[in-house]
Amino acid sequence: KTFAGVVEHQQTTKAKDHVTGAEVAAVIEGKYAAAEASVKKVFDDADKESARIFDEGSEAAKNEFENYVDGKMTAYKRERYSGFWGGLSWLEDKFFGMPDEVNVFYTQGRQMYMDRMDQVITKVANYVTAKLNEAKQAIKAGKKGIDDYVNKLPKDLAEVGKQAASDIQDKFDSLEQSVNDKKNDLIEGLAKKYVDNVKKIDDRIGEMKEANAGLIDK
């Protein structure tokens, strides 16, 4: 009877230790999950806000380009077609196209667009940098939270905690790598959008030149 009691006590104690060890691992896993969720939210925010900043900035730059070229061309035509010889100049332009000197308006407008887009890219880059640093801080805080938790565990659970913390390190390594991957993805995505937008401006300049071409050229 005594022997049976001792065995039962030992088995119960072992079961309690096992449950407690599992709880320790669960707490550590929970702290990692919280860090992972924070990083994911940062990524989602970075995707949406960087796209918004870029799209709004590129649209403003395009409108500025259009307004600049239109303003310059309107003023040029008003002066060119005024006065005694204005009608003759208008007729000449209809047949032979606008003088080459108007091309400077397109060049200046395009440079203005590029300068504005540089500002947009810088704004996006600063925002993305801040968000990715935020993700890194979330990972760092998650690791520290686990270390602090393990250091406060009683001696009989210290080894269990250290092992669980060690086991989850690979997940933190992958999470850190995901920050670098996100940076590269954002850079590649924005670079493609940048090139596409510049091409649209160049195509628009081609349309403007075609519209101002003379009947003979057409």
N, C-alpha and C. Protein backbone atom coordinates (compact mmCIF):
# COMPACT_ATOMS: atom_id res chain seq x y z
N LYS A 1 0.83 -1.21 0.00
CA LYS A 1 0.00 0.00 0.00
C LYS A 1 0.87 1.26 0.00
N THR A 2 1.88 1.25 0.84
CA THR A 2 2.79 2.40 0.91
C THR A 2 3.52 2.59 -0.42
N PHE A 3 4.00 1.46 -0.96
CA PHE A 3 4.70 1.50 -2.24
C PHE A 3 3.80 2.09 -3.33
N ALA A 4 2.56 1.62 -3.38
CA ALA A 4 1.60 2.10 -4.38
C ALA A 4 1.36 3.60 -4.23
N GLY A 5 1.31 4.04 -2.97
CA GLY A 5 1.10 5.47 -2.71
C GLY A 5 2.25 6.31 -3.21
N VAL A 6 3.48 5.83 -2.98
CA VAL A 6 4.66 6.56 -3.44
C VAL A 6 4.68 6.65 -4.96
N VAL A 7 4.40 5.55 -5.64
CA VAL A 7 4.38 5.53 -7.10
C VAL A 7 3.33 6.50 -7.63
N GLU A 8 2.15 6.46 -7.02
CA GLU A 8 1.07 7.34 -7.47
C GLU A 8 1.47 8.80 -7.28
N HIS A 9 2.12 9.11 -6.16
CA HIS A 9 2.56 10.48 -5.88
C HIS A 9 3.59 10.94 -6.91
N GLN A 10 4.52 10.06 -7.24
CA GLN A 10 5.55 10.42 -8.21
C GLN A 10 4.95 10.65 -9.60
N GLN A 11 4.01 9.80 -9.97
CA GLN A 11 3.37 9.95 -11.28
C GLN A 11 2.57 11.25 -11.36
N THR A 12 1.88 11.58 -10.27
CA THR A 12 1.10 12.83 -10.24
C THR A 12 2.00 14.04 -10.34
N THR A 13 3.12 13.98 -9.60
CA THR A 13 4.09 15.09 -9.64
C THR A 13 4.67 15.26 -11.03
N LYS A 14 5.00 14.12 -11.66
CA LYS A 14 5.55 14.17 -13.01
C LYS A 14 4.55 14.77 -13.98
N ALA A 15 3.29 14.39 -13.84
CA ALA A 15 2.24 14.93 -14.70
C ALA A 15 2.10 16.43 -14.51
N LYS A 16 2.18 16.89 -13.24
CA LYS A 16 2.10 18.32 -12.96
C LYS A 16 3.27 19.06 -13.59
N ASP A 17 4.48 18.47 -13.49
CA ASP A 17 5.66 19.09 -14.09
C ASP A 17 5.50 19.18 -15.59
N HIS A 18 4.94 18.14 -16.20
CA HIS A 18 4.75 18.11 -17.64
C HIS A 18 3.78 19.21 -18.08
N VAL A 19 2.68 19.33 -17.35
CA VAL A 19 1.70 20.38 -17.67
C VAL A 19 2.32 21.75 -17.51
N THR A 20 3.08 21.93 -16.43
CA THR A 20 3.71 23.22 -16.17
C THR A 20 4.73 23.54 -17.25
N GLY A 21 5.49 22.54 -17.68
CA GLY A 21 6.45 22.75 -18.76
C GLY A 21 5.76 23.12 -20.04
N ALA A 22 4.63 22.48 -20.32
CA ALA A 22 3.86 22.80 -21.52
C ALA A 22 3.33 24.22 -21.45
N GLU A 23 2.94 24.65 -20.26
CA GLU A 23 2.45 26.01 -20.09
C GLU A 23 3.56 27.03 -20.35
N VAL A 24 4.76 26.70 -19.90
CA VAL A 24 5.90 27.58 -20.14
C VAL A 24 6.14 27.73 -21.64
N ALA A 25 6.13 26.60 -22.34
CA ALA A 25 6.33 26.64 -23.79
C ALA A 25 5.22 27.43 -24.47
N ALA A 26 3.99 27.28 -23.95
CA ALA A 26 2.85 28.00 -24.54
C ALA A 26 2.99 29.51 -24.36
N VAL A 27 3.47 29.91 -23.19
CA VAL A 27 3.68 31.34 -22.94
C VAL A 27 4.72 31.91 -23.90
N ILE A 28 5.81 31.17 -24.07
CA ILE A 28 6.88 31.61 -24.97
C ILE A 28 6.37 31.67 -26.41
N GLU A 29 5.61 30.66 -26.80
CA GLU A 29 5.04 30.65 -28.15
C GLU A 29 4.08 31.84 -28.33
N GLY A 30 3.35 32.16 -27.27
CA GLY A 30 2.43 33.28 -27.34
C GLY A 30 3.15 34.61 -27.51
N LYS A 31 4.30 34.75 -26.87
CA LYS A 31 5.07 35.99 -27.00
C LYS A 31 5.63 36.11 -28.41
N TYR A 32 6.02 34.99 -28.98
CA TYR A 32 6.49 35.04 -30.37
C TYR A 32 5.32 35.41 -31.30
N ALA A 33 4.16 34.78 -31.07
CA ALA A 33 3.00 35.04 -31.91
C ALA A 33 2.61 36.52 -31.86
N ALA A 34 2.75 37.13 -30.69
CA ALA A 34 2.43 38.56 -30.56
C ALA A 34 3.40 39.40 -31.39
N ALA A 35 4.69 39.03 -31.34
CA ALA A 35 5.68 39.75 -32.14
C ALA A 35 5.41 39.58 -33.63
N GLU A 36 5.06 38.36 -34.01
CA GLU A 36 4.76 38.07 -35.42
C GLU A 36 3.56 38.87 -35.90
N ALA A 37 2.52 38.96 -35.07
CA ALA A 37 1.33 39.73 -35.42
C ALA A 37 1.66 41.21 -35.58
N SER A 38 2.52 41.73 -34.70
CA SER A 38 2.92 43.13 -34.79
C SER A 38 3.67 43.40 -36.09
N VAL A 39 4.56 42.49 -36.45
CA VAL A 39 5.33 42.64 -37.69
C VAL A 39 4.39 42.58 -38.90
N LYS A 40 3.44 41.67 -38.88
CA LYS A 40 2.50 41.55 -40.00
C LYS A 40 1.68 42.83 -40.16
N LYS A 41 1.26 43.42 -39.06
CA LYS A 41 0.49 44.66 -39.12
C LYS A 41 1.35 45.79 -39.70
N VAL A 42 2.61 45.82 -39.28
CA VAL A 42 3.54 46.83 -39.82
C VAL A 42 3.66 46.66 -41.33
N PHE A 43 3.79 45.41 -41.79
CA PHE A 43 3.90 45.15 -43.22
C PHE A 43 2.65 45.62 -43.96
N ASP A 44 1.49 45.31 -43.41
CA ASP A 44 0.24 45.71 -44.05
C ASP A 44 0.14 47.24 -44.14
N ASP A 45 0.48 47.90 -43.04
CA ASP A 45 0.45 49.37 -43.02
C ASP A 45 1.44 49.94 -44.04
N ALA A 46 2.63 49.34 -44.10
CA ALA A 46 3.67 49.82 -45.02
C ALA A 46 3.21 49.68 -46.47
N ASP A 47 2.59 48.55 -46.80
CA ASP A 47 2.10 48.33 -48.16
C ASP A 47 1.06 49.39 -48.55
N LYS A 48 0.07 49.57 -47.69
CA LYS A 48 -1.04 50.48 -48.00
C LYS A 48 -0.59 51.94 -48.03
N GLU A 49 0.13 52.36 -46.99
CA GLU A 49 0.48 53.78 -46.89
C GLU A 49 1.53 54.18 -47.91
N SER A 50 2.52 53.32 -48.17
CA SER A 50 3.54 53.66 -49.16
C SER A 50 2.90 53.77 -50.55
N ALA A 51 1.93 52.90 -50.84
CA ALA A 51 1.23 52.97 -52.12
C ALA A 51 0.41 54.26 -52.21
N ARG A 52 -0.23 54.65 -51.10
CA ARG A 52 -1.02 55.88 -51.09
C ARG A 52 -0.14 57.10 -51.31
N ILE A 53 0.99 57.16 -50.59
CA ILE A 53 1.90 58.30 -50.73
C ILE A 53 2.40 58.40 -52.16
N PHE A 54 2.79 57.26 -52.73
CA PHE A 54 3.33 57.26 -54.09
C PHE A 54 2.26 57.67 -55.10
N ASP A 55 1.10 57.05 -55.01
CA ASP A 55 0.05 57.32 -56.00
C ASP A 55 -0.41 58.78 -55.95
N GLU A 56 -0.62 59.29 -54.75
CA GLU A 56 -1.05 60.69 -54.62
C GLU A 56 0.05 61.64 -55.10
N GLY A 57 1.29 61.32 -54.75
CA GLY A 57 2.41 62.17 -55.16
C GLY A 57 2.61 62.16 -56.67
N SER A 58 2.52 60.97 -57.29
CA SER A 58 2.72 60.87 -58.74
C SER A 58 1.59 61.57 -59.49
N GLU A 59 0.37 61.49 -58.96
CA GLU A 59 -0.76 62.16 -59.59
C GLU A 59 -0.60 63.68 -59.51
N ALA A 60 -0.14 64.17 -58.36
CA ALA A 60 0.11 65.61 -58.21
C ALA A 60 1.22 66.07 -59.15
N ALA A 61 2.26 65.25 -59.28
CA ALA A 61 3.38 65.60 -60.18
C ALA A 61 2.90 65.64 -61.63
N LYS A 62 2.04 64.70 -62.00
CA LYS A 62 1.50 64.66 -63.37
C LYS A 62 0.65 65.90 -63.64
N ASN A 63 -0.19 66.26 -62.69
CA ASN A 63 -1.03 67.45 -62.87
C ASN A 63 -0.18 68.71 -62.97
N GLU A 64 0.89 68.75 -62.18
CA GLU A 64 1.79 69.91 -62.23
C GLU A 64 2.45 70.00 -63.59
N PHE A 65 2.84 68.86 -64.12
CA PHE A 65 3.44 68.82 -65.47
C PHE A 65 2.45 69.33 -66.52
N GLU A 66 1.23 68.81 -66.47
CA GLU A 66 0.20 69.20 -67.44
C GLU A 66 -0.08 70.70 -67.37
N ASN A 67 -0.23 71.20 -66.14
CA ASN A 67 -0.55 72.62 -65.97
C ASN A 67 0.60 73.51 -66.44
N TYR A 68 1.82 73.07 -66.16
CA TYR A 68 2.98 73.88 -66.57
C TYR A 68 3.07 73.97 -68.09
N VAL A 69 3.03 72.83 -68.75
CA VAL A 69 3.15 72.82 -70.21
C VAL A 69 1.98 73.57 -70.85
N ASP A 70 0.79 73.33 -70.35
CA ASP A 70 -0.39 74.00 -70.91
C ASP A 70 -0.29 75.52 -70.73
N GLY A 71 0.16 75.93 -69.54
CA GLY A 71 0.29 77.37 -69.29
C GLY A 71 1.32 78.02 -70.20
N LYS A 72 2.45 77.36 -70.35
CA LYS A 72 3.52 77.90 -71.20
C LYS A 72 3.07 77.94 -72.66
N MET A 73 2.43 76.87 -73.11
CA MET A 73 2.02 76.80 -74.51
C MET A 73 0.92 77.82 -74.80
N THR A 74 -0.02 77.97 -73.87
CA THR A 74 -1.09 78.95 -74.06
C THR A 74 -0.55 80.36 -74.15
N ALA A 75 0.39 80.70 -73.26
CA ALA A 75 0.99 82.04 -73.28
C ALA A 75 1.78 82.26 -74.56
N TYR A 76 2.48 81.21 -75.00
CA TYR A 76 3.29 81.32 -76.22
C TYR A 76 2.39 81.56 -77.43
N LYS A 77 1.32 80.80 -77.53
CA LYS A 77 0.41 80.95 -78.67
C LYS A 77 -0.29 82.30 -78.65
N ARG A 78 -0.67 82.74 -77.46
CA ARG A 78 -1.35 84.03 -77.35
C ARG A 78 -0.46 85.15 -77.91
N GLU A 79 0.81 85.08 -77.55
CA GLU A 79 1.74 86.12 -78.03
C GLU A 79 2.04 85.94 -79.51
N ARG A 80 2.22 84.70 -79.94
CA ARG A 80 2.60 84.43 -81.34
C ARG A 80 1.48 84.77 -82.32
N TYR A 81 0.25 84.53 -81.90
CA TYR A 81 -0.87 84.73 -82.81
C TYR A 81 -1.54 86.10 -82.68
N SER A 82 -0.94 86.96 -81.86
CA SER A 82 -1.50 88.31 -81.71
C SER A 82 -0.83 89.26 -82.70
N GLY A 83 -1.40 90.42 -82.87
CA GLY A 83 -0.80 91.41 -83.75
C GLY A 83 -1.14 91.20 -85.22
N PHE A 84 -0.51 92.03 -86.07
CA PHE A 84 -0.82 92.05 -87.50
C PHE A 84 -0.49 90.73 -88.20
N TRP A 85 0.66 90.12 -87.82
CA TRP A 85 1.11 88.90 -88.49
C TRP A 85 0.66 87.62 -87.75
N GLY A 86 -0.17 87.80 -86.74
CA GLY A 86 -0.58 86.65 -85.94
C GLY A 86 -1.33 85.59 -86.73
N GLY A 87 -2.22 86.06 -87.62
CA GLY A 87 -2.99 85.12 -88.41
C GLY A 87 -2.10 84.31 -89.36
N LEU A 88 -1.10 84.97 -89.90
CA LEU A 88 -0.18 84.27 -90.81
C LEU A 88 0.64 83.22 -90.05
N SER A 89 1.05 83.57 -88.82
CA SER A 89 1.80 82.61 -88.00
C SER A 89 0.93 81.41 -87.65
N TRP A 90 -0.33 81.69 -87.36
CA TRP A 90 -1.26 80.59 -87.04
C TRP A 90 -1.40 79.64 -88.22
N LEU A 91 -1.55 80.21 -89.42
CA LEU A 91 -1.70 79.40 -90.62
C LEU A 91 -0.43 78.61 -90.90
N GLU A 92 0.70 79.24 -90.69
CA GLU A 92 1.98 78.57 -90.90
C GLU A 92 2.12 77.37 -89.95
N ASP A 93 1.74 77.57 -88.69
CA ASP A 93 1.84 76.48 -87.71
C ASP A 93 0.90 75.34 -88.04
N LYS A 94 -0.25 75.66 -88.62
CA LYS A 94 -1.20 74.62 -88.99
C LYS A 94 -0.64 73.71 -90.08
N PHE A 95 0.14 74.31 -90.98
CA PHE A 95 0.71 73.51 -92.06
C PHE A 95 2.05 72.86 -91.69
N PHE A 96 2.89 73.63 -91.00
CA PHE A 96 4.26 73.16 -90.75
C PHE A 96 4.52 72.76 -89.30
N GLY A 97 3.55 72.99 -88.42
CA GLY A 97 3.74 72.63 -87.03
C GLY A 97 4.34 73.75 -86.22
N MET A 98 4.31 73.58 -84.88
CA MET A 98 4.86 74.60 -83.99
C MET A 98 6.38 74.66 -84.12
N PRO A 99 6.96 75.83 -83.92
CA PRO A 99 8.42 75.94 -83.96
C PRO A 99 9.09 75.04 -82.92
N ASP A 100 10.30 74.64 -83.20
CA ASP A 100 11.03 73.74 -82.30
C ASP A 100 11.27 74.35 -80.92
N GLU A 101 11.20 75.68 -80.84
CA GLU A 101 11.48 76.33 -79.57
C GLU A 101 10.46 75.97 -78.48
N VAL A 102 9.29 75.47 -78.88
CA VAL A 102 8.28 75.09 -77.88
C VAL A 102 8.67 73.78 -77.17
N ASN A 103 9.62 73.04 -77.75
CA ASN A 103 10.03 71.77 -77.13
C ASN A 103 10.64 71.98 -75.74
N VAL A 104 11.13 73.20 -75.50
CA VAL A 104 11.71 73.48 -74.19
C VAL A 104 10.64 73.39 -73.10
N PHE A 105 9.40 73.64 -73.45
CA PHE A 105 8.32 73.53 -72.47
C PHE A 105 8.17 72.09 -72.00
N TYR A 106 8.27 71.15 -72.93
CA TYR A 106 8.17 69.74 -72.58
C TYR A 106 9.37 69.30 -71.72
N THR A 107 10.54 69.77 -72.12
CA THR A 107 11.75 69.41 -71.38
C THR A 107 11.70 69.94 -69.95
N GLN A 108 11.30 71.21 -69.83
CA GLN A 108 11.22 71.81 -68.50
C GLN A 108 10.13 71.14 -67.66
N GLY A 109 9.00 70.87 -68.29
CA GLY A 109 7.90 70.21 -67.58
C GLY A 109 8.29 68.82 -67.12
N ARG A 110 9.00 68.10 -67.97
CA ARG A 110 9.44 66.74 -67.60
C ARG A 110 10.42 66.79 -66.43
N GLN A 111 11.34 67.76 -66.47
CA GLN A 111 12.30 67.88 -65.37
C GLN A 111 11.59 68.24 -64.07
N MET A 112 10.59 69.09 -64.18
CA MET A 112 9.80 69.45 -63.01
C MET A 112 9.11 68.20 -62.44
N TYR A 113 8.59 67.37 -63.34
CA TYR A 113 7.95 66.12 -62.92
C TYR A 113 8.96 65.21 -62.21
N MET A 114 10.13 65.06 -62.80
CA MET A 114 11.16 64.19 -62.21
C MET A 114 11.59 64.69 -60.84
N ASP A 115 11.74 66.01 -60.71
CA ASP A 115 12.13 66.59 -59.42
C ASP A 115 11.06 66.31 -58.37
N ARG A 116 9.81 66.47 -58.75
CA ARG A 116 8.72 66.21 -57.81
C ARG A 116 8.66 64.72 -57.43
N MET A 117 8.90 63.85 -58.40
CA MET A 117 8.89 62.41 -58.12
C MET A 117 10.05 62.02 -57.20
N ASP A 118 11.17 62.71 -57.32
CA ASP A 118 12.29 62.46 -56.39
C ASP A 118 11.86 62.76 -54.96
N GLN A 119 11.10 63.83 -54.80
CA GLN A 119 10.59 64.17 -53.47
C GLN A 119 9.62 63.11 -52.96
N VAL A 120 8.79 62.61 -53.88
CA VAL A 120 7.83 61.57 -53.51
C VAL A 120 8.55 60.31 -53.07
N ILE A 121 9.55 59.90 -53.85
CA ILE A 121 10.32 58.69 -53.53
C ILE A 121 11.01 58.83 -52.18
N THR A 122 11.57 60.02 -51.92
CA THR A 122 12.23 60.25 -50.63
C THR A 122 11.23 60.14 -49.48
N LYS A 123 10.04 60.69 -49.68
CA LYS A 123 9.00 60.61 -48.65
C LYS A 123 8.60 59.16 -48.39
N VAL A 124 8.44 58.39 -49.47
CA VAL A 124 8.08 56.98 -49.32
C VAL A 124 9.21 56.22 -48.62
N ALA A 125 10.44 56.49 -49.03
CA ALA A 125 11.59 55.80 -48.44
C ALA A 125 11.70 56.07 -46.94
N ASN A 126 11.49 57.32 -46.55
CA ASN A 126 11.55 57.66 -45.12
C ASN A 126 10.45 56.94 -44.34
N TYR A 127 9.26 56.87 -44.93
CA TYR A 127 8.15 56.19 -44.26
C TYR A 127 8.43 54.70 -44.13
N VAL A 128 8.86 54.09 -45.21
CA VAL A 128 9.14 52.64 -45.20
C VAL A 128 10.25 52.32 -44.20
N THR A 129 11.28 53.14 -44.18
CA THR A 129 12.38 52.93 -43.23
C THR A 129 11.87 52.95 -41.79
N ALA A 130 11.02 53.92 -41.49
CA ALA A 130 10.47 54.03 -40.14
C ALA A 130 9.63 52.80 -39.79
N LYS A 131 8.82 52.33 -40.75
CA LYS A 131 7.96 51.17 -40.49
C LYS A 131 8.77 49.89 -40.32
N LEU A 132 9.80 49.71 -41.14
CA LEU A 132 10.62 48.50 -41.01
C LEU A 132 11.42 48.52 -39.71
N ASN A 133 11.84 49.70 -39.29
CA ASN A 133 12.49 49.81 -37.98
C ASN A 133 11.51 49.47 -36.86
N GLU A 134 10.26 49.84 -37.07
CA GLU A 134 9.21 49.49 -36.11
C GLU A 134 9.05 47.97 -36.02
N ALA A 135 9.12 47.31 -37.17
CA ALA A 135 9.03 45.84 -37.19
C ALA A 135 10.22 45.22 -36.46
N LYS A 136 11.39 45.77 -36.68
CA LYS A 136 12.59 45.25 -36.00
C LYS A 136 12.48 45.44 -34.49
N GLN A 137 11.92 46.57 -34.09
CA GLN A 137 11.74 46.82 -32.65
C GLN A 137 10.74 45.84 -32.05
N ALA A 138 9.71 45.48 -32.81
CA ALA A 138 8.73 44.51 -32.33
C ALA A 138 9.38 43.15 -32.11
N ILE A 139 10.27 42.78 -33.03
CA ILE A 139 11.00 41.51 -32.88
C ILE A 139 11.93 41.56 -31.68
N LYS A 140 12.62 42.67 -31.55
CA LYS A 140 13.53 42.84 -30.41
C LYS A 140 12.78 42.79 -29.09
N ALA A 141 11.62 43.44 -29.05
CA ALA A 141 10.81 43.44 -27.83
C ALA A 141 10.30 42.04 -27.53
N GLY A 142 9.94 41.28 -28.58
CA GLY A 142 9.47 39.91 -28.38
C GLY A 142 10.55 39.03 -27.78
N LYS A 143 11.76 39.16 -28.29
CA LYS A 143 12.89 38.39 -27.75
C LYS A 143 13.16 38.76 -26.29
N LYS A 144 13.14 40.05 -26.02
CA LYS A 144 13.41 40.51 -24.66
C LYS A 144 12.32 40.01 -23.70
N GLY A 145 11.07 40.04 -24.18
CA GLY A 145 9.98 39.56 -23.34
C GLY A 145 10.16 38.10 -22.96
N ILE A 146 10.64 37.30 -23.90
CA ILE A 146 10.89 35.88 -23.63
C ILE A 146 12.06 35.71 -22.67
N ASP A 147 13.12 36.47 -22.90
CA ASP A 147 14.29 36.38 -22.00
C ASP A 147 13.91 36.76 -20.57
N ASP A 148 13.15 37.83 -20.43
CA ASP A 148 12.73 38.27 -19.09
C ASP A 148 11.86 37.21 -18.43
N TYR A 149 10.98 36.60 -19.21
CA TYR A 149 10.10 35.57 -18.68
C TYR A 149 10.90 34.35 -18.22
N VAL A 150 11.82 33.91 -19.04
CA VAL A 150 12.63 32.74 -18.71
C VAL A 150 13.49 32.99 -17.47
N ASN A 151 14.04 34.19 -17.37
CA ASN A 151 14.91 34.53 -16.23
C ASN A 151 14.15 34.54 -14.91
N LYS A 152 12.84 34.71 -14.97
CA LYS A 152 12.04 34.77 -13.75
C LYS A 152 11.41 33.42 -13.39
N LEU A 153 11.66 32.41 -14.22
CA LEU A 153 11.09 31.09 -13.94
C LEU A 153 11.78 30.46 -12.72
N PRO A 154 11.04 29.64 -11.94
CA PRO A 154 11.68 28.91 -10.83
C PRO A 154 12.74 27.94 -11.35
N LYS A 155 13.64 27.55 -10.49
CA LYS A 155 14.77 26.72 -10.91
C LYS A 155 14.33 25.44 -11.59
N ASP A 156 13.25 24.81 -11.09
CA ASP A 156 12.84 23.53 -11.64
C ASP A 156 12.27 23.66 -13.07
N LEU A 157 11.97 24.90 -13.48
CA LEU A 157 11.45 25.11 -14.84
C LEU A 157 12.40 25.91 -15.72
N ALA A 158 13.53 26.29 -15.16
CA ALA A 158 14.49 27.13 -15.88
C ALA A 158 14.97 26.44 -17.16
N GLU A 159 15.32 25.16 -17.05
CA GLU A 159 15.82 24.44 -18.21
C GLU A 159 14.75 24.30 -19.29
N VAL A 160 13.52 24.04 -18.84
CA VAL A 160 12.41 23.93 -19.78
C VAL A 160 12.24 25.24 -20.53
N GLY A 161 12.31 26.35 -19.80
CA GLY A 161 12.15 27.66 -20.41
C GLY A 161 13.26 27.98 -21.39
N LYS A 162 14.50 27.67 -21.00
CA LYS A 162 15.64 27.93 -21.88
C LYS A 162 15.54 27.12 -23.16
N GLN A 163 15.10 25.87 -23.03
CA GLN A 163 14.97 25.02 -24.20
C GLN A 163 13.88 25.54 -25.13
N ALA A 164 12.77 25.94 -24.56
CA ALA A 164 11.67 26.47 -25.37
C ALA A 164 12.09 27.76 -26.07
N ALA A 165 12.84 28.60 -25.36
CA ALA A 165 13.32 29.84 -25.95
C ALA A 165 14.30 29.56 -27.08
N SER A 166 15.13 28.54 -26.88
CA SER A 166 16.09 28.16 -27.91
C SER A 166 15.39 27.59 -29.14
N ASP A 167 14.35 26.80 -28.89
CA ASP A 167 13.62 26.17 -29.99
C ASP A 167 12.92 27.19 -30.88
N ILE A 168 12.51 28.30 -30.28
CA ILE A 168 11.73 29.28 -31.04
C ILE A 168 12.63 30.31 -31.74
N GLN A 169 13.93 30.23 -31.52
CA GLN A 169 14.86 31.18 -32.10
C GLN A 169 14.82 31.14 -33.63
N ASP A 170 14.65 29.94 -34.19
CA ASP A 170 14.59 29.82 -35.65
C ASP A 170 13.43 30.63 -36.22
N LYS A 171 12.32 30.65 -35.50
CA LYS A 171 11.17 31.42 -35.96
C LYS A 171 11.48 32.92 -35.95
N PHE A 172 12.19 33.35 -34.92
CA PHE A 172 12.58 34.77 -34.87
C PHE A 172 13.56 35.10 -35.99
N ASP A 173 14.45 34.16 -36.30
CA ASP A 173 15.39 34.38 -37.41
C ASP A 173 14.64 34.56 -38.72
N SER A 174 13.63 33.72 -38.94
CA SER A 174 12.82 33.82 -40.15
C SER A 174 12.04 35.13 -40.18
N LEU A 175 11.57 35.55 -39.01
CA LEU A 175 10.81 36.80 -38.92
C LEU A 175 11.71 37.99 -39.26
N GLU A 176 12.95 37.94 -38.78
CA GLU A 176 13.90 39.01 -39.10
C GLU A 176 14.22 39.02 -40.59
N GLN A 177 14.34 37.85 -41.18
CA GLN A 177 14.60 37.77 -42.61
C GLN A 177 13.43 38.32 -43.41
N SER A 178 12.23 38.13 -42.88
CA SER A 178 11.04 38.63 -43.59
C SER A 178 11.05 40.15 -43.67
N VAL A 179 11.68 40.81 -42.70
CA VAL A 179 11.78 42.28 -42.74
C VAL A 179 12.65 42.70 -43.91
N ASN A 180 13.78 42.02 -44.10
CA ASN A 180 14.65 42.32 -45.24
C ASN A 180 13.96 42.00 -46.56
N ASP A 181 13.21 40.89 -46.58
CA ASP A 181 12.49 40.52 -47.80
C ASP A 181 11.43 41.57 -48.14
N LYS A 182 10.75 42.06 -47.11
CA LYS A 182 9.72 43.09 -47.33
C LYS A 182 10.34 44.36 -47.88
N LYS A 183 11.50 44.72 -47.36
CA LYS A 183 12.20 45.91 -47.86
C LYS A 183 12.49 45.76 -49.35
N ASN A 184 13.02 44.61 -49.74
CA ASN A 184 13.33 44.37 -51.15
C ASN A 184 12.08 44.37 -52.01
N ASP A 185 11.00 43.78 -51.50
CA ASP A 185 9.74 43.74 -52.25
C ASP A 185 9.20 45.16 -52.49
N LEU A 186 9.26 45.97 -51.44
CA LEU A 186 8.76 47.35 -51.57
C LEU A 186 9.61 48.14 -52.55
N ILE A 187 10.92 47.97 -52.48
CA ILE A 187 11.81 48.68 -53.40
C ILE A 187 11.53 48.30 -54.84
N GLU A 188 11.42 46.99 -55.09
CA GLU A 188 11.17 46.52 -56.45
C GLU A 188 9.81 47.00 -56.97
N GLY A 189 8.80 46.93 -56.10
CA GLY A 189 7.47 47.36 -56.50
C GLY A 189 7.41 48.84 -56.83
N LEU A 190 8.02 49.66 -55.98
CA LEU A 190 8.00 51.11 -56.20
C LEU A 190 8.86 51.50 -57.40
N ALA A 191 9.96 50.78 -57.61
CA ALA A 191 10.81 51.07 -58.77
C ALA A 191 10.05 50.82 -60.07
N LYS A 192 9.29 49.75 -60.11
CA LYS A 192 8.50 49.43 -61.30
C LYS A 192 7.43 50.50 -61.53
N LYS A 193 6.76 50.92 -60.46
CA LYS A 193 5.74 51.95 -60.59
C LYS A 193 6.37 53.27 -61.04
N TYR A 194 7.55 53.56 -60.54
CA TYR A 194 8.26 54.79 -60.91
C TYR A 194 8.55 54.79 -62.42
N VAL A 195 9.12 53.68 -62.91
CA VAL A 195 9.45 53.57 -64.33
C VAL A 195 8.18 53.67 -65.19
N ASP A 196 7.12 53.00 -64.76
CA ASP A 196 5.86 53.04 -65.50
C ASP A 196 5.31 54.46 -65.59
N ASN A 197 5.39 55.19 -64.49
CA ASN A 197 4.88 56.57 -64.48
C ASN A 197 5.70 57.50 -65.36
N VAL A 198 7.02 57.33 -65.34
CA VAL A 198 7.87 58.15 -66.20
C VAL A 198 7.57 57.86 -67.67
N LYS A 199 7.35 56.60 -67.99
CA LYS A 199 7.01 56.23 -69.37
C LYS A 199 5.69 56.89 -69.80
N LYS A 200 4.74 56.96 -68.88
CA LYS A 200 3.47 57.59 -69.19
C LYS A 200 3.66 59.08 -69.52
N ILE A 201 4.56 59.73 -68.77
CA ILE A 201 4.85 61.14 -69.04
C ILE A 201 5.49 61.30 -70.41
N ASP A 202 6.44 60.42 -70.73
CA ASP A 202 7.10 60.49 -72.04
C ASP A 202 6.08 60.23 -73.16
N ASP A 203 5.17 59.29 -72.93
CA ASP A 203 4.12 59.02 -73.93
C ASP A 203 3.20 60.24 -74.07
N ARG A 204 2.94 60.89 -72.96
CA ARG A 204 2.09 62.09 -72.98
C ARG A 204 2.77 63.21 -73.76
N ILE A 205 4.08 63.35 -73.59
CA ILE A 205 4.82 64.37 -74.34
C ILE A 205 4.74 64.07 -75.83
N GLY A 206 4.82 62.78 -76.18
CA GLY A 206 4.68 62.40 -77.58
C GLY A 206 3.31 62.79 -78.13
N GLU A 207 2.27 62.60 -77.32
CA GLU A 207 0.92 62.98 -77.74
C GLU A 207 0.81 64.50 -77.95
N MET A 208 1.43 65.25 -77.04
CA MET A 208 1.38 66.71 -77.15
C MET A 208 2.10 67.20 -78.42
N LYS A 209 3.24 66.60 -78.70
CA LYS A 209 3.98 66.98 -79.90
C LYS A 209 3.18 66.63 -81.15
N GLU A 210 2.53 65.48 -81.12
CA GLU A 210 1.72 65.06 -82.26
C GLU A 210 0.55 66.02 -82.48
N ALA A 211 -0.04 66.47 -81.37
CA ALA A 211 -1.17 67.40 -81.47
C ALA A 211 -0.75 68.74 -82.07
N ASN A 212 0.51 69.12 -81.84
CA ASN A 212 0.99 70.40 -82.34
C ASN A 212 1.72 70.28 -83.68
N ALA A 213 1.72 69.06 -84.25
CA ALA A 213 2.37 68.87 -85.54
C ALA A 213 1.52 69.52 -86.64
N GLY A 214 2.17 69.92 -87.72
CA GLY A 214 1.46 70.53 -88.84
C GLY A 214 0.82 69.49 -89.72
N LEU A 215 -0.06 69.95 -90.60
CA LEU A 215 -0.76 69.05 -91.52
C LEU A 215 0.20 68.30 -92.42
N ILE A 216 1.29 68.95 -92.82
CA ILE A 216 2.26 68.31 -93.71
C ILE A 216 2.93 67.14 -93.01
N ASP A 217 3.38 67.37 -91.77
CA ASP A 217 3.99 66.30 -90.99
C ASP A 217 3.02 65.16 -90.74
N LYS A 218 1.77 65.50 -90.41
CA LYS A 218 0.77 64.48 -90.14
C LYS A 218 0.49 63.65 -91.41
